[in-house]
Amino acid sequence: MDRLIKLVPRLVHLREVIWDAQCAMSQRFLEAVRLCSPTCKLYSRFPRRDDAPRSLRSLHNNLQLVAIDVGLADTQFQALAALRKLLDSCPNMRRLRLSCTPGTGDPERFTLCVQGWQMPPLKYLRLRDMNLVDYRYDGWEHCVQWEALEDLECTEIGFFPAVSGSLRQLRVLGVHLPTNGSSPFTSSQYYALINFAKTSSKLESLSVTGGILFLGSDSIWERTYPSLTEIQIYGTRVTFSVPSPDNVVGSERFIELSESSPKLQKCSIDLEIVEEEWQEIHQPLQILSGLADSLWFITELELHLVRRSENPWRATLGEVRGIWEFLWRRIEQFRQNCGHLTSRPRLQTLRVVDARAGGSLDRTPRLAASEHDEEMTFEARLSERDDLAREGHANVVCLELEGLQEIYGRRPLVDELQATLMEQLTRRAQKGVTDSSGLITKKHPELFRPLKTPLLAMVGP
């Protein structure tokens, strides 16, 4: 910490400090930033720790703090009070990510909102595992300045009928709900949600996780979204077989979506891996054919591969290139058959997330369901060279491997653990295999920590 404090005066153009560490920022460091860079913005993450109250109190009355990411257990009442004081005393706070781990505490008492108290005008609000329906309902309704929000994600929609009329600036909306049929929301709450999505003139991104897609005949698919550019569908079975079963999202739904959302460009879905369909990716698979025919208009496509059993197939750099080439040619053919003025696909980026156990609002990397596997993200990007782009050539990378190369540098690594991690990730990305004991990140997660920083998504104006 002393070295960091001495470094601050030399950073004459310092604009942002992103603090994502197990220890809190010291008062000496905060004072150095305040004196040397008074316009610098602070972003801080508070992991779920016993000393959370002290860490939160260290930032009280800080005028430079603009974003925090806080994880609490429902027994940490002192930390909750310290967070309320922080929000009260930091007038420039605009972004809050708050998650709660249920435990042995009393949920009736564990609430951030109290009568007569109001948060600062947040632009970005993430509420994970925070119940907004019953005992917190009235409090959350009145303590959040909903009219200022531009980006909201939560695990409940019980407050929607009361506040949807105030969400006039909302551009990004994400809801994460149960998939087991026992969802704690009513049809009126559900219709308030989709009515808002239909009538909003500013909503650009809609993320839906869980079982809200088939409530009644007036489904989320039968709506017009005039400003929607991105949709994410997680935790719901998606199929592109024809005809599709009644209880899954099929090709016809995406066709309806394309017709009702004229600005839609990006789509992210959970795609179930059925072993017999994925034995050989270079064959003209029905599932990829239906996907290409249904999403031919998309510029960015993200596929989260979901396994219901231990499937031996793993995505690799070569396999993802094969998926890209297949989709490109299929979309090209589809556009030709439909008589489009140009047959060239709009697709610019394909992202394949492998070894993910279902979808989530939290889109940061996580350990996979498999004991010996790590989530890997592959990205195919259309070539920047015009001649190659016309032919559909793409550059394929593994984002985790690319990220570590940037962090550790491309020079020969001196640290043995770093070198081993790079070697294992390279082998996993190229050949789809790991050692029997799994990636080294299982024993040394700190090596992978720079790629698992949810706070980075909070950085913004």
Protein backbone atom coordinates (compact mmCIF):
# COMPACT_ATOMS: atom_id res chain seq x y z
CA MET A 1 0.00 0.00 0.00
CA ASP A 2 2.86 2.40 0.79
CA ARG A 3 4.27 2.01 -2.70
CA LEU A 4 0.88 2.70 -4.21
CA ILE A 5 0.47 5.86 -2.12
CA LYS A 6 3.87 7.12 -3.28
CA LEU A 7 2.87 6.43 -6.88
CA VAL A 8 -0.33 8.50 -6.80
CA PRO A 9 1.32 11.97 -7.10
CA ARG A 10 3.06 10.83 -10.30
CA LEU A 11 -0.23 9.89 -11.97
CA VAL A 12 -1.01 13.42 -13.05
CA HIS A 13 -3.78 12.35 -15.47
CA LEU A 14 -5.45 9.83 -13.16
CA ARG A 15 -9.18 9.75 -13.95
CA GLU A 16 -10.42 6.47 -12.42
CA VAL A 17 -9.44 4.12 -9.60
CA ILE A 18 -11.01 0.64 -9.73
CA TRP A 19 -10.42 -1.07 -6.39
CA ASP A 20 -11.10 -4.81 -6.47
CA ALA A 21 -9.11 -6.37 -3.65
CA GLN A 22 -9.62 -8.32 -0.46
CA CYS A 23 -8.53 -5.35 1.64
CA ALA A 24 -10.15 -1.93 1.83
CA MET A 25 -8.54 1.28 0.59
CA SER A 26 -6.60 2.92 3.40
CA GLN A 27 -7.39 6.45 4.51
CA ARG A 28 -3.90 7.54 3.48
CA PHE A 29 -4.46 6.25 -0.04
CA LEU A 30 -7.88 7.91 -0.29
CA GLU A 31 -6.41 11.19 0.95
CA ALA A 32 -3.58 10.98 -1.60
CA VAL A 33 -6.08 10.48 -4.43
CA ARG A 34 -8.24 13.34 -3.14
CA LEU A 35 -5.33 15.79 -2.95
CA CYS A 36 -3.49 14.79 -6.14
CA SER A 37 -6.45 13.94 -8.39
CA PRO A 38 -9.57 15.68 -7.06
CA THR A 39 -11.61 14.89 -10.20
CA CYS A 40 -10.72 11.18 -10.13
CA LYS A 41 -13.65 8.73 -9.83
CA LEU A 42 -13.55 5.80 -7.41
CA TYR A 43 -15.09 2.38 -8.06
CA SER A 44 -14.89 -0.09 -5.20
CA ARG A 45 -15.84 -3.72 -4.68
CA PHE A 46 -16.56 -5.08 -1.21
CA PRO A 47 -16.37 -8.88 -1.10
CA ARG A 48 -18.46 -10.75 1.44
CA ARG A 49 -16.25 -10.49 4.54
CA ASP A 50 -16.64 -10.14 8.29
CA ASP A 51 -14.95 -6.73 8.32
CA ALA A 52 -17.41 -5.24 5.79
CA PRO A 53 -18.69 -2.58 8.26
CA ARG A 54 -15.20 -1.13 8.74
CA SER A 55 -14.48 -1.22 5.00
CA LEU A 56 -17.73 0.56 4.17
CA ARG A 57 -17.20 3.18 6.88
CA SER A 58 -13.80 4.02 5.39
CA LEU A 59 -15.60 5.56 2.39
CA HIS A 60 -18.19 7.62 4.25
CA ASN A 61 -18.38 11.25 3.05
CA ASN A 62 -16.24 10.51 0.00
CA LEU A 63 -17.11 12.86 -2.84
CA GLN A 64 -15.13 10.86 -5.42
CA LEU A 65 -16.98 7.56 -4.93
CA VAL A 66 -19.31 6.85 -7.86
CA ALA A 67 -19.81 3.05 -7.78
CA ILE A 68 -19.73 0.19 -5.28
CA ASP A 69 -20.28 -3.57 -5.48
CA VAL A 70 -21.31 -4.99 -2.10
CA GLY A 71 -21.95 -8.59 -1.04
CA LEU A 72 -23.50 -9.21 2.38
CA ALA A 73 -24.88 -12.07 4.45
CA ASP A 74 -28.30 -11.51 6.01
CA THR A 75 -26.72 -11.44 9.47
CA GLN A 76 -24.50 -8.40 8.79
CA PHE A 77 -26.75 -5.69 10.22
CA GLN A 78 -23.86 -3.37 11.05
CA ALA A 79 -22.63 -3.58 7.46
CA LEU A 80 -26.12 -2.78 6.21
CA ALA A 81 -26.28 0.31 8.41
CA ALA A 82 -22.81 1.34 7.20
CA LEU A 83 -23.95 0.95 3.59
CA ARG A 84 -27.01 3.13 4.24
CA LYS A 85 -24.75 5.79 5.77
CA LEU A 86 -22.39 5.53 2.80
CA LEU A 87 -25.22 6.10 0.33
CA ASP A 88 -26.39 9.03 2.47
CA SER A 89 -22.99 10.69 2.68
CA CYS A 90 -21.66 10.14 -0.86
CA PRO A 91 -23.77 12.42 -3.08
CA ASN A 92 -21.99 11.46 -6.32
CA MET A 93 -22.81 7.75 -6.02
CA ARG A 94 -24.47 6.63 -9.24
CA ARG A 95 -23.93 2.86 -9.44
CA LEU A 96 -24.77 0.18 -6.88
CA ARG A 97 -24.52 -3.60 -7.08
CA LEU A 98 -25.93 -5.29 -3.98
CA SER A 99 -26.25 -9.02 -3.31
CA CYS A 100 -27.47 -10.83 -0.22
CA THR A 101 -26.68 -14.37 0.90
CA PRO A 102 -29.53 -15.93 2.89
CA GLY A 103 -28.43 -17.54 6.12
CA THR A 104 -29.52 -17.66 9.72
CA GLY A 105 -30.56 -14.01 9.96
CA ASP A 106 -34.04 -12.57 10.32
CA PRO A 107 -35.20 -11.45 6.85
CA GLU A 108 -37.92 -9.29 8.40
CA ARG A 109 -35.21 -7.04 9.83
CA PHE A 110 -32.55 -7.25 7.12
CA THR A 111 -33.61 -4.43 4.84
CA LEU A 112 -31.63 -1.51 3.46
CA CYS A 113 -34.67 0.72 3.07
CA VAL A 114 -36.19 2.41 6.09
CA GLN A 115 -39.08 4.83 6.34
CA GLY A 116 -38.26 8.35 5.20
CA TRP A 117 -34.88 7.38 3.70
CA GLN A 118 -33.98 7.68 0.01
CA MET A 119 -30.95 6.69 -2.03
CA PRO A 120 -29.05 9.16 -4.20
CA PRO A 121 -30.25 9.29 -7.85
CA LEU A 122 -28.63 6.07 -9.09
CA LYS A 123 -28.23 5.38 -12.79
CA TYR A 124 -27.22 1.73 -12.36
CA LEU A 125 -28.79 -0.69 -9.85
CA ARG A 126 -28.17 -4.42 -9.49
CA LEU A 127 -30.09 -6.31 -6.80
CA ARG A 128 -29.12 -9.96 -6.54
CA ASP A 129 -31.02 -12.27 -4.17
CA MET A 130 -32.76 -9.28 -2.59
CA ASN A 131 -36.44 -9.97 -2.05
CA LEU A 132 -38.52 -6.99 -3.20
CA VAL A 133 -41.99 -8.52 -2.93
CA ASP A 134 -43.11 -8.89 0.67
CA TYR A 135 -41.61 -7.09 3.67
CA ARG A 136 -39.27 -4.91 1.58
CA TYR A 137 -41.85 -4.00 -1.05
CA ASP A 138 -43.02 -0.62 0.25
CA GLY A 139 -39.52 0.37 1.31
CA TRP A 140 -37.92 -0.26 -2.07
CA GLU A 141 -40.79 1.45 -3.84
CA HIS A 142 -40.11 4.72 -2.03
CA CYS A 143 -36.36 4.67 -1.32
CA VAL A 144 -35.17 4.31 -4.94
CA GLN A 145 -35.37 7.29 -7.27
CA TRP A 146 -36.70 5.15 -10.11
CA GLU A 147 -37.04 8.02 -12.57
CA ALA A 148 -33.21 8.41 -12.65
CA LEU A 149 -32.44 4.73 -13.37
CA GLU A 150 -30.96 3.82 -16.74
CA ASP A 151 -29.84 0.26 -15.99
CA LEU A 152 -31.72 -2.15 -13.67
CA GLU A 153 -31.30 -5.86 -12.89
CA CYS A 154 -33.13 -7.69 -10.12
CA THR A 155 -34.43 -11.05 -9.01
CA GLU A 156 -38.03 -9.99 -8.47
CA ILE A 157 -40.69 -8.07 -10.41
CA GLY A 158 -43.21 -7.57 -7.61
CA PHE A 159 -42.52 -3.83 -7.54
CA PHE A 160 -43.15 -3.32 -11.26
CA PRO A 161 -46.84 -2.34 -11.19
CA ALA A 162 -46.05 0.45 -8.71
CA VAL A 163 -42.88 1.86 -10.32
CA SER A 164 -43.03 1.04 -14.05
CA GLY A 165 -44.52 4.45 -14.81
CA SER A 166 -41.47 6.11 -13.26
CA LEU A 167 -38.86 4.21 -15.31
CA ARG A 168 -38.77 6.82 -18.03
CA GLN A 169 -34.99 6.75 -18.52
CA LEU A 170 -34.47 2.97 -18.34
CA ARG A 171 -32.33 1.61 -21.21
CA VAL A 172 -31.27 -1.78 -19.79
CA LEU A 173 -33.59 -4.19 -17.92
CA GLY A 174 -32.77 -7.63 -16.60
CA VAL A 175 -34.95 -9.96 -14.53
CA HIS A 176 -33.91 -13.30 -13.07
CA LEU A 177 -36.77 -15.51 -11.92
CA PRO A 178 -37.31 -19.12 -10.83
CA THR A 179 -37.80 -21.79 -13.51
CA ASN A 180 -39.58 -24.37 -11.34
CA GLY A 181 -43.11 -23.06 -11.82
CA SER A 182 -43.36 -21.69 -8.29
CA SER A 183 -42.54 -18.10 -9.20
CA PRO A 184 -43.69 -15.64 -6.49
CA PHE A 185 -45.13 -13.12 -8.95
CA THR A 186 -48.66 -12.61 -10.20
CA SER A 187 -49.97 -12.21 -13.72
CA SER A 188 -50.51 -8.49 -13.12
CA GLN A 189 -46.86 -8.08 -12.18
CA TYR A 190 -45.81 -10.05 -15.26
CA TYR A 191 -48.04 -7.98 -17.56
CA ALA A 192 -46.71 -4.78 -15.98
CA LEU A 193 -43.24 -5.94 -16.97
CA ILE A 194 -44.02 -6.76 -20.61
CA ASN A 195 -46.28 -3.71 -20.98
CA PHE A 196 -43.39 -1.56 -19.87
CA ALA A 197 -41.07 -3.29 -22.35
CA LYS A 198 -43.62 -2.71 -25.10
CA THR A 199 -44.31 0.95 -24.44
CA SER A 200 -40.85 2.13 -23.43
CA SER A 201 -39.30 4.39 -26.04
CA LYS A 202 -35.80 4.07 -24.55
CA LEU A 203 -35.44 0.39 -23.59
CA GLU A 204 -32.50 -0.99 -25.59
CA SER A 205 -31.58 -4.22 -23.80
CA LEU A 206 -33.88 -6.84 -22.24
CA SER A 207 -32.48 -9.83 -20.32
CA VAL A 208 -34.86 -12.57 -19.17
CA THR A 209 -33.70 -15.46 -17.00
CA GLY A 210 -36.17 -18.10 -15.87
CA GLY A 211 -39.79 -19.02 -16.29
CA ILE A 212 -41.70 -15.95 -17.35
CA LEU A 213 -41.94 -16.63 -21.08
CA PHE A 214 -45.15 -18.66 -21.10
CA LEU A 215 -47.50 -16.97 -18.69
CA GLY A 216 -50.84 -16.76 -20.50
CA SER A 217 -51.48 -16.19 -24.18
CA ASP A 218 -50.20 -12.63 -24.08
CA SER A 219 -46.57 -13.70 -23.99
CA ILE A 220 -43.45 -11.63 -24.11
CA TRP A 221 -42.99 -12.70 -27.74
CA GLU A 222 -46.26 -11.16 -28.93
CA ARG A 223 -45.18 -7.62 -28.25
CA THR A 224 -43.62 -4.82 -30.25
CA TYR A 225 -40.37 -3.39 -28.93
CA PRO A 226 -39.66 -0.21 -30.91
CA SER A 227 -36.25 0.59 -29.44
CA LEU A 228 -34.91 -2.87 -28.48
CA THR A 229 -31.43 -3.63 -29.87
CA GLU A 230 -30.44 -6.56 -27.61
CA ILE A 231 -32.25 -9.52 -26.02
CA GLN A 232 -30.85 -12.19 -23.73
CA ILE A 233 -32.77 -15.38 -22.90
CA TYR A 234 -31.32 -17.58 -20.16
CA GLY A 235 -32.66 -20.47 -18.13
CA THR A 236 -35.28 -21.36 -20.74
CA ARG A 237 -35.08 -24.27 -23.17
CA VAL A 238 -34.43 -23.09 -26.71
CA THR A 239 -34.70 -25.33 -29.75
CA PHE A 240 -34.47 -24.74 -33.47
CA SER A 241 -35.99 -28.05 -34.51
CA VAL A 242 -39.19 -27.96 -36.55
CA PRO A 243 -41.79 -28.20 -35.18
CA SER A 244 -40.73 -27.14 -31.70
CA PRO A 245 -42.39 -28.57 -28.56
CA ASP A 246 -44.96 -26.41 -26.78
CA ASN A 247 -42.87 -25.91 -23.64
CA VAL A 248 -39.74 -24.51 -25.29
CA VAL A 249 -38.78 -21.43 -27.28
CA GLY A 250 -38.66 -22.39 -30.95
CA SER A 251 -37.69 -20.87 -34.29
CA GLU A 252 -41.10 -19.31 -34.84
CA ARG A 253 -40.67 -17.22 -31.67
CA PHE A 254 -37.47 -15.66 -32.96
CA ILE A 255 -39.14 -14.93 -36.28
CA GLU A 256 -41.91 -13.11 -34.38
CA LEU A 257 -39.27 -11.26 -32.39
CA SER A 258 -37.45 -10.10 -35.52
CA GLU A 259 -40.71 -8.77 -36.96
CA SER A 260 -41.67 -6.94 -33.74
CA SER A 261 -38.21 -5.49 -33.00
CA PRO A 262 -36.98 -3.62 -36.07
CA LYS A 263 -33.78 -2.43 -34.35
CA LEU A 264 -32.75 -5.79 -32.84
CA GLN A 265 -29.07 -6.55 -33.45
CA LYS A 266 -27.80 -8.71 -30.57
CA CYS A 267 -29.10 -11.99 -29.16
CA SER A 268 -27.80 -14.19 -26.34
CA ILE A 269 -29.37 -17.58 -25.57
CA ASP A 270 -28.77 -20.76 -23.62
CA LEU A 271 -28.38 -23.58 -26.14
CA GLU A 272 -28.78 -27.11 -24.83
CA ILE A 273 -26.14 -29.61 -25.92
CA VAL A 274 -27.69 -32.94 -26.89
CA GLU A 275 -24.94 -35.51 -27.21
CA GLU A 276 -26.04 -37.14 -30.44
CA GLU A 277 -26.41 -33.74 -32.13
CA TRP A 278 -22.93 -32.54 -31.18
CA GLN A 279 -20.75 -35.51 -31.95
CA GLU A 280 -19.46 -33.90 -35.13
CA ILE A 281 -19.81 -30.14 -35.36
CA HIS A 282 -18.79 -29.95 -39.03
CA GLN A 283 -21.87 -31.84 -40.16
CA PRO A 284 -24.87 -29.70 -41.25
CA LEU A 285 -26.61 -29.95 -37.90
CA GLN A 286 -30.32 -29.24 -37.81
CA ILE A 287 -30.00 -27.14 -34.68
CA LEU A 288 -27.49 -24.75 -36.29
CA SER A 289 -29.48 -24.63 -39.53
CA GLY A 290 -32.63 -23.58 -37.66
CA LEU A 291 -30.65 -21.07 -35.62
CA ALA A 292 -29.20 -19.45 -38.75
CA ASP A 293 -32.58 -19.32 -40.51
CA SER A 294 -34.24 -17.75 -37.45
CA LEU A 295 -31.53 -15.25 -36.50
CA TRP A 296 -30.28 -14.29 -39.97
CA PHE A 297 -30.64 -10.57 -39.13
CA ILE A 298 -28.40 -10.58 -36.01
CA THR A 299 -25.04 -8.77 -35.94
CA GLU A 300 -23.88 -10.25 -32.59
CA LEU A 301 -24.80 -13.75 -31.42
CA GLU A 302 -23.87 -15.29 -28.07
CA LEU A 303 -24.46 -19.00 -27.38
CA HIS A 304 -24.21 -20.34 -23.81
CA LEU A 305 -23.79 -24.10 -24.18
CA VAL A 306 -25.76 -25.92 -21.48
CA ARG A 307 -25.19 -29.59 -20.67
CA ARG A 308 -27.82 -31.74 -18.99
CA SER A 309 -25.35 -34.61 -18.68
CA GLU A 310 -21.61 -35.23 -18.87
CA ASN A 311 -21.14 -34.64 -22.57
CA PRO A 312 -17.55 -35.23 -23.76
CA TRP A 313 -17.75 -32.56 -26.48
CA ARG A 314 -15.97 -29.30 -25.64
CA ALA A 315 -15.73 -26.14 -27.68
CA THR A 316 -12.28 -25.29 -29.01
CA LEU A 317 -10.84 -22.62 -31.26
CA GLY A 318 -11.21 -24.96 -34.26
CA GLU A 319 -14.75 -26.04 -33.39
CA VAL A 320 -15.93 -22.46 -32.93
CA ARG A 321 -14.42 -21.54 -36.29
CA GLY A 322 -16.45 -24.40 -37.75
CA ILE A 323 -19.64 -23.06 -36.13
CA TRP A 324 -18.93 -19.58 -37.53
CA GLU A 325 -18.30 -20.85 -41.04
CA PHE A 326 -21.44 -22.98 -40.99
CA LEU A 327 -23.63 -20.10 -39.74
CA TRP A 328 -22.15 -17.66 -42.25
CA ARG A 329 -22.78 -19.91 -45.25
CA ARG A 330 -26.24 -20.89 -44.04
CA ILE A 331 -27.30 -17.26 -43.46
CA GLU A 332 -25.85 -16.32 -46.83
CA GLN A 333 -27.94 -19.03 -48.51
CA PHE A 334 -31.05 -18.01 -46.57
CA ARG A 335 -30.73 -14.39 -47.68
CA GLN A 336 -30.27 -15.47 -51.29
CA ASN A 337 -33.38 -17.66 -51.15
CA CYS A 338 -35.40 -14.79 -49.64
CA GLY A 339 -34.37 -12.39 -52.39
CA HIS A 340 -32.45 -9.88 -50.28
CA LEU A 341 -30.58 -7.15 -52.17
CA THR A 342 -27.33 -8.48 -50.75
CA SER A 343 -26.65 -12.00 -49.57
CA ARG A 344 -23.85 -10.99 -47.24
CA PRO A 345 -24.78 -11.78 -43.61
CA ARG A 346 -24.89 -9.02 -41.04
CA LEU A 347 -23.11 -11.21 -38.48
CA GLN A 348 -20.07 -9.46 -37.04
CA THR A 349 -19.41 -11.41 -33.83
CA LEU A 350 -20.14 -14.92 -32.55
CA ARG A 351 -19.44 -15.68 -28.90
CA VAL A 352 -19.59 -19.26 -27.59
CA VAL A 353 -19.53 -19.77 -23.81
CA ASP A 354 -18.70 -23.39 -22.99
CA ALA A 355 -19.23 -25.34 -19.76
CA ARG A 356 -21.82 -23.07 -18.26
CA ALA A 357 -24.49 -24.53 -15.98
CA GLY A 358 -27.44 -22.46 -17.20
CA GLY A 359 -27.71 -18.73 -17.74
CA SER A 360 -27.45 -15.89 -15.31
CA LEU A 361 -27.69 -12.16 -15.04
CA ASP A 362 -24.17 -12.22 -13.73
CA ARG A 363 -22.25 -12.57 -16.98
CA THR A 364 -18.81 -12.82 -15.42
CA PRO A 365 -16.77 -16.04 -15.77
CA ARG A 366 -17.42 -18.71 -13.19
CA LEU A 367 -16.38 -22.25 -12.44
CA ALA A 368 -18.22 -24.77 -14.56
CA ALA A 369 -20.50 -27.49 -13.28
CA SER A 370 -17.88 -30.09 -14.09
CA GLU A 371 -15.39 -30.74 -11.34
CA HIS A 372 -12.43 -30.68 -13.73
CA ASP A 373 -13.47 -27.93 -16.12
CA GLU A 374 -13.44 -24.17 -16.29
CA GLU A 375 -15.79 -21.96 -18.23
CA MET A 376 -14.21 -20.90 -21.51
CA THR A 377 -15.41 -18.13 -23.79
CA PHE A 378 -14.57 -18.15 -27.48
CA GLU A 379 -15.18 -15.25 -29.81
CA ALA A 380 -15.19 -15.20 -33.61
CA ARG A 381 -14.84 -11.69 -35.03
CA LEU A 382 -15.37 -10.85 -38.67
CA SER A 383 -12.08 -9.85 -40.27
CA GLU A 384 -11.37 -6.12 -40.44
CA ARG A 385 -9.98 -6.55 -43.96
CA ASP A 386 -12.71 -5.81 -46.48
CA ASP A 387 -11.66 -8.53 -48.93
CA LEU A 388 -11.63 -11.19 -46.20
CA ALA A 389 -14.83 -9.89 -44.59
CA ARG A 390 -16.70 -10.23 -47.89
CA GLU A 391 -15.77 -13.93 -47.85
CA GLY A 392 -16.84 -14.32 -44.23
CA HIS A 393 -13.38 -14.88 -42.74
CA ALA A 394 -13.22 -14.45 -38.97
CA ASN A 395 -10.52 -14.31 -36.32
CA VAL A 396 -11.25 -16.71 -33.46
CA VAL A 397 -9.85 -16.16 -29.96
CA CYS A 398 -10.33 -17.53 -26.46
CA LEU A 399 -11.18 -14.48 -24.31
CA GLU A 400 -9.73 -15.95 -21.10
CA LEU A 401 -6.47 -16.78 -22.83
CA GLU A 402 -6.38 -13.42 -24.57
CA GLY A 403 -7.09 -11.64 -21.28
CA LEU A 404 -4.31 -13.42 -19.43
CA GLN A 405 -1.88 -12.65 -22.24
CA GLU A 406 -2.66 -8.98 -21.79
CA ILE A 407 -2.32 -9.18 -18.00
CA TYR A 408 0.87 -11.22 -17.85
CA GLY A 409 2.31 -10.00 -21.14
CA ARG A 410 3.36 -12.06 -24.12
CA ARG A 411 6.96 -12.36 -23.00
CA PRO A 412 8.24 -15.66 -21.56
CA LEU A 413 6.79 -15.97 -18.07
CA VAL A 414 9.11 -16.24 -15.10
CA ASP A 415 6.46 -17.23 -12.57
CA GLU A 416 5.96 -20.99 -12.70
CA LEU A 417 2.28 -20.88 -11.75
CA GLN A 418 1.50 -18.29 -14.41
CA ALA A 419 3.38 -20.30 -17.02
CA THR A 420 1.50 -23.47 -16.05
CA LEU A 421 -1.84 -21.68 -16.24
CA MET A 422 -1.06 -20.27 -19.68
CA GLU A 423 0.02 -23.71 -20.88
CA GLN A 424 -3.13 -25.38 -19.55
CA LEU A 425 -5.46 -22.71 -20.97
CA THR A 426 -3.76 -22.94 -24.35
CA ARG A 427 -4.20 -26.72 -24.41
CA ARG A 428 -7.82 -26.40 -23.30
CA ALA A 429 -8.58 -23.77 -25.96
CA GLN A 430 -6.89 -25.67 -28.77
CA LYS A 431 -7.71 -29.30 -27.93
CA GLY A 432 -10.58 -29.15 -25.44
CA VAL A 433 -8.76 -31.11 -22.75
CA THR A 434 -7.50 -30.36 -19.26
CA ASP A 435 -5.39 -32.31 -16.80
CA SER A 436 -7.22 -34.89 -14.71
CA SER A 437 -6.94 -32.60 -11.70
CA GLY A 438 -8.52 -29.68 -13.55
CA LEU A 439 -7.13 -26.25 -14.37
CA ILE A 440 -4.65 -24.72 -11.96
CA THR A 441 -7.23 -22.04 -11.17
CA LYS A 442 -8.94 -24.56 -8.88
CA LYS A 443 -5.96 -24.43 -6.52
CA HIS A 444 -4.87 -20.87 -7.29
CA PRO A 445 -8.00 -18.83 -8.12
CA GLU A 446 -6.10 -15.58 -7.59
CA LEU A 447 -4.38 -16.14 -10.95
CA PHE A 448 -7.73 -16.02 -12.70
CA ARG A 449 -9.18 -13.25 -10.55
CA PRO A 450 -8.40 -10.40 -13.02
CA LEU A 451 -10.82 -12.01 -15.49
CA LYS A 452 -13.59 -12.34 -12.91
CA THR A 453 -14.19 -8.70 -12.05
CA PRO A 454 -17.90 -7.81 -12.12
CA LEU A 455 -17.02 -4.29 -11.05
CA LEU A 456 -15.63 -3.53 -14.51
CA ALA A 457 -19.15 -3.69 -15.91
CA MET A 458 -20.08 -0.85 -13.55
CA VAL A 459 -17.53 1.57 -14.92
CA GLY A 460 -19.16 4.27 -16.99
CA PRO A 461 -20.20 7.88 -17.13
